[in-house]
Amino acid sequence: MPLFDRFEGPLFWVGLLLVWNLIVFLRYGWDKLAAIQGYWRVSEAELLLLGFLGGALGAKVAQRVFRHKTSKQPFAQNLNIVVGL
C-alpha cells in the first residue's frame, strides 16, 4: 500500500529514534527544572524506562548537559546498565 511505503527503510527508523531521544532529553530537562523550582518531579522509574525504550542516548546526553542525576549512584548505575542493554 502506498500509504505505508514511507514507513519502511532505515531512514524512517533512524529519524524515529532521533525524535524519541530528543523527547527523552527534554523530559530529563523538565525534571531538572522541576527539581530546581520545587515542582512535581518525574519518577526515576519513568526516566529509566524512557532510556530502556530506546532513549538511552538522549538520557545520557541530558544527564551530562543538565548535570542531572549524576551523583545519585543507584540511578546513575541503573542508567548505565540500561545503556549497556
C-alpha atoms as a PDB file:
ATOM      1  CA  MET A   1       0.000   0.000   0.000  1.00  0.00           C
ATOM      2  CA  PRO A   2       1.424   3.405  -0.922  1.00  0.00           C
ATOM      3  CA  LEU A   3       0.359   4.944   2.394  1.00  0.00           C
ATOM      4  CA  PHE A   4       2.688   2.661   4.337  1.00  0.00           C
ATOM      5  CA  ASP A   5       5.638   2.858   1.946  1.00  0.00           C
ATOM      6  CA  ARG A   6       7.029   5.891   3.732  1.00  0.00           C
ATOM      7  CA  PHE A   7       7.271   3.901   6.998  1.00  0.00           C
ATOM      8  CA  GLU A   8       9.777   1.496   5.525  1.00  0.00           C
ATOM      9  CA  GLY A   9      13.504   1.669   5.304  1.00  0.00           C
ATOM     10  CA  PRO A  10      16.244   2.551   7.730  1.00  0.00           C
ATOM     11  CA  LEU A  11      15.958   6.315   7.289  1.00  0.00           C
ATOM     12  CA  PHE A  12      12.476   6.347   8.805  1.00  0.00           C
ATOM     13  CA  TRP A  13      13.583   4.275  11.805  1.00  0.00           C
ATOM     14  CA  VAL A  14      16.709   6.352  12.396  1.00  0.00           C
ATOM     15  CA  GLY A  15      14.589   9.504  12.284  1.00  0.00           C
ATOM     16  CA  LEU A  16      12.085   7.994  14.694  1.00  0.00           C
ATOM     17  CA  LEU A  17      14.872   7.031  17.087  1.00  0.00           C
ATOM     18  CA  LEU A  18      16.341  10.544  16.936  1.00  0.00           C
ATOM     19  CA  VAL A  19      12.952  12.111  17.691  1.00  0.00           C
ATOM     20  CA  TRP A  20      12.433   9.704  20.592  1.00  0.00           C
ATOM     21  CA  ASN A  21      15.865  10.546  22.030  1.00  0.00           C
ATOM     22  CA  LEU A  22      15.051  14.248  21.751  1.00  0.00           C
ATOM     23  CA  ILE A  23      11.827  13.636  23.697  1.00  0.00           C
ATOM     24  CA  VAL A  24      13.772  11.753  26.388  1.00  0.00           C
ATOM     25  CA  PHE A  25      16.376  14.550  26.513  1.00  0.00           C
ATOM     26  CA  LEU A  26      13.636  17.133  27.014  1.00  0.00           C
ATOM     27  CA  ARG A  27      11.966  15.005  29.711  1.00  0.00           C
ATOM     28  CA  TYR A  28      15.222  14.923  31.670  1.00  0.00           C
ATOM     29  CA  GLY A  29      15.495  18.681  31.222  1.00  0.00           C
ATOM     30  CA  TRP A  30      11.936  19.088  32.514  1.00  0.00           C
ATOM     31  CA  ASP A  31      12.792  17.014  35.580  1.00  0.00           C
ATOM     32  CA  LYS A  32      15.907  19.099  36.256  1.00  0.00           C
ATOM     33  CA  LEU A  33      13.878  22.301  36.003  1.00  0.00           C
ATOM     34  CA  ALA A  34      11.244  20.839  38.336  1.00  0.00           C
ATOM     35  CA  ALA A  35      13.991  19.922  40.814  1.00  0.00           C
ATOM     36  CA  ILE A  36      15.357  23.449  40.797  1.00  0.00           C
ATOM     37  CA  GLN A  37      11.978  25.134  41.143  1.00  0.00           C
ATOM     38  CA  GLY A  38      10.451  22.660  43.583  1.00  0.00           C
ATOM     39  CA  TYR A  39       7.738  21.388  41.234  1.00  0.00           C
ATOM     40  CA  TRP A  40       6.354  17.867  40.848  1.00  0.00           C
ATOM     41  CA  ARG A  41       9.181  15.578  39.651  1.00  0.00           C
ATOM     42  CA  VAL A  42       9.370  12.836  37.055  1.00  0.00           C
ATOM     43  CA  SER A  43       9.847   9.470  38.741  1.00  0.00           C
ATOM     44  CA  GLU A  44      13.181   7.721  38.415  1.00  0.00           C
ATOM     45  CA  ALA A  45      11.350   4.643  37.159  1.00  0.00           C
ATOM     46  CA  GLU A  46       9.897   6.663  34.275  1.00  0.00           C
ATOM     47  CA  LEU A  47      13.273   8.162  33.393  1.00  0.00           C
ATOM     48  CA  LEU A  48      14.882   4.725  33.336  1.00  0.00           C
ATOM     49  CA  LEU A  49      12.003   3.281  31.304  1.00  0.00           C
ATOM     50  CA  LEU A  50      12.346   6.029  28.701  1.00  0.00           C
ATOM     51  CA  GLY A  51      16.012   5.152  28.348  1.00  0.00           C
ATOM     52  CA  PHE A  52      15.253   1.445  28.143  1.00  0.00           C
ATOM     53  CA  LEU A  53      12.670   2.019  25.405  1.00  0.00           C
ATOM     54  CA  GLY A  54      15.292   3.403  23.034  1.00  0.00           C
ATOM     55  CA  GLY A  55      16.161   6.753  24.573  1.00  0.00           C
ATOM     56  CA  ALA A  56      19.421   5.785  26.250  1.00  0.00           C
ATOM     57  CA  LEU A  57      21.494   8.200  24.182  1.00  0.00           C
ATOM     58  CA  GLY A  58      19.141  11.089  24.939  1.00  0.00           C
ATOM     59  CA  ALA A  59      19.193  10.157  28.620  1.00  0.00           C
ATOM     60  CA  LYS A  60      22.990  10.070  28.840  1.00  0.00           C
ATOM     61  CA  VAL A  61      23.407  13.332  26.930  1.00  0.00           C
ATOM     62  CA  ALA A  62      20.795  15.027  29.130  1.00  0.00           C
ATOM     63  CA  GLN A  63      22.488  13.687  32.241  1.00  0.00           C
ATOM     64  CA  ARG A  64      25.702  15.385  31.141  1.00  0.00           C
ATOM     65  CA  VAL A  65      24.208  18.618  29.775  1.00  0.00           C
ATOM     66  CA  PHE A  66      21.890  19.246  32.708  1.00  0.00           C
ATOM     67  CA  ARG A  67      24.209  17.689  35.337  1.00  0.00           C
ATOM     68  CA  HIS A  68      21.170  15.735  36.376  1.00  0.00           C
ATOM     69  CA  LYS A  69      21.189  12.559  38.441  1.00  0.00           C
ATOM     70  CA  THR A  70      24.968  12.266  38.174  1.00  0.00           C
ATOM     71  CA  SER A  71      25.765  11.961  41.869  1.00  0.00           C
ATOM     72  CA  LYS A  72      22.803   9.779  42.781  1.00  0.00           C
ATOM     73  CA  GLN A  73      24.620   6.478  42.445  1.00  0.00           C
ATOM     74  CA  PRO A  74      21.805   3.929  42.314  1.00  0.00           C
ATOM     75  CA  PHE A  75      20.158   5.873  39.482  1.00  0.00           C
ATOM     76  CA  ALA A  76      23.391   6.577  37.606  1.00  0.00           C
ATOM     77  CA  GLN A  77      24.414   2.934  37.865  1.00  0.00           C
ATOM     78  CA  ASN A  78      20.999   1.724  36.702  1.00  0.00           C
ATOM     79  CA  LEU A  79      21.087   4.107  33.741  1.00  0.00           C
ATOM     80  CA  ASN A  80      24.498   2.749  32.766  1.00  0.00           C
ATOM     81  CA  ILE A  81      23.027  -0.750  32.855  1.00  0.00           C
ATOM     82  CA  VAL A  82      20.152   0.361  30.621  1.00  0.00           C
ATOM     83  CA  VAL A  83      22.612   1.933  28.177  1.00  0.00           C
ATOM     84  CA  GLY A  84      24.570  -1.318  28.130  1.00  0.00           C
ATOM     85  CA  LEU A  85      21.494  -3.264  27.092  1.00  0.00           C
END
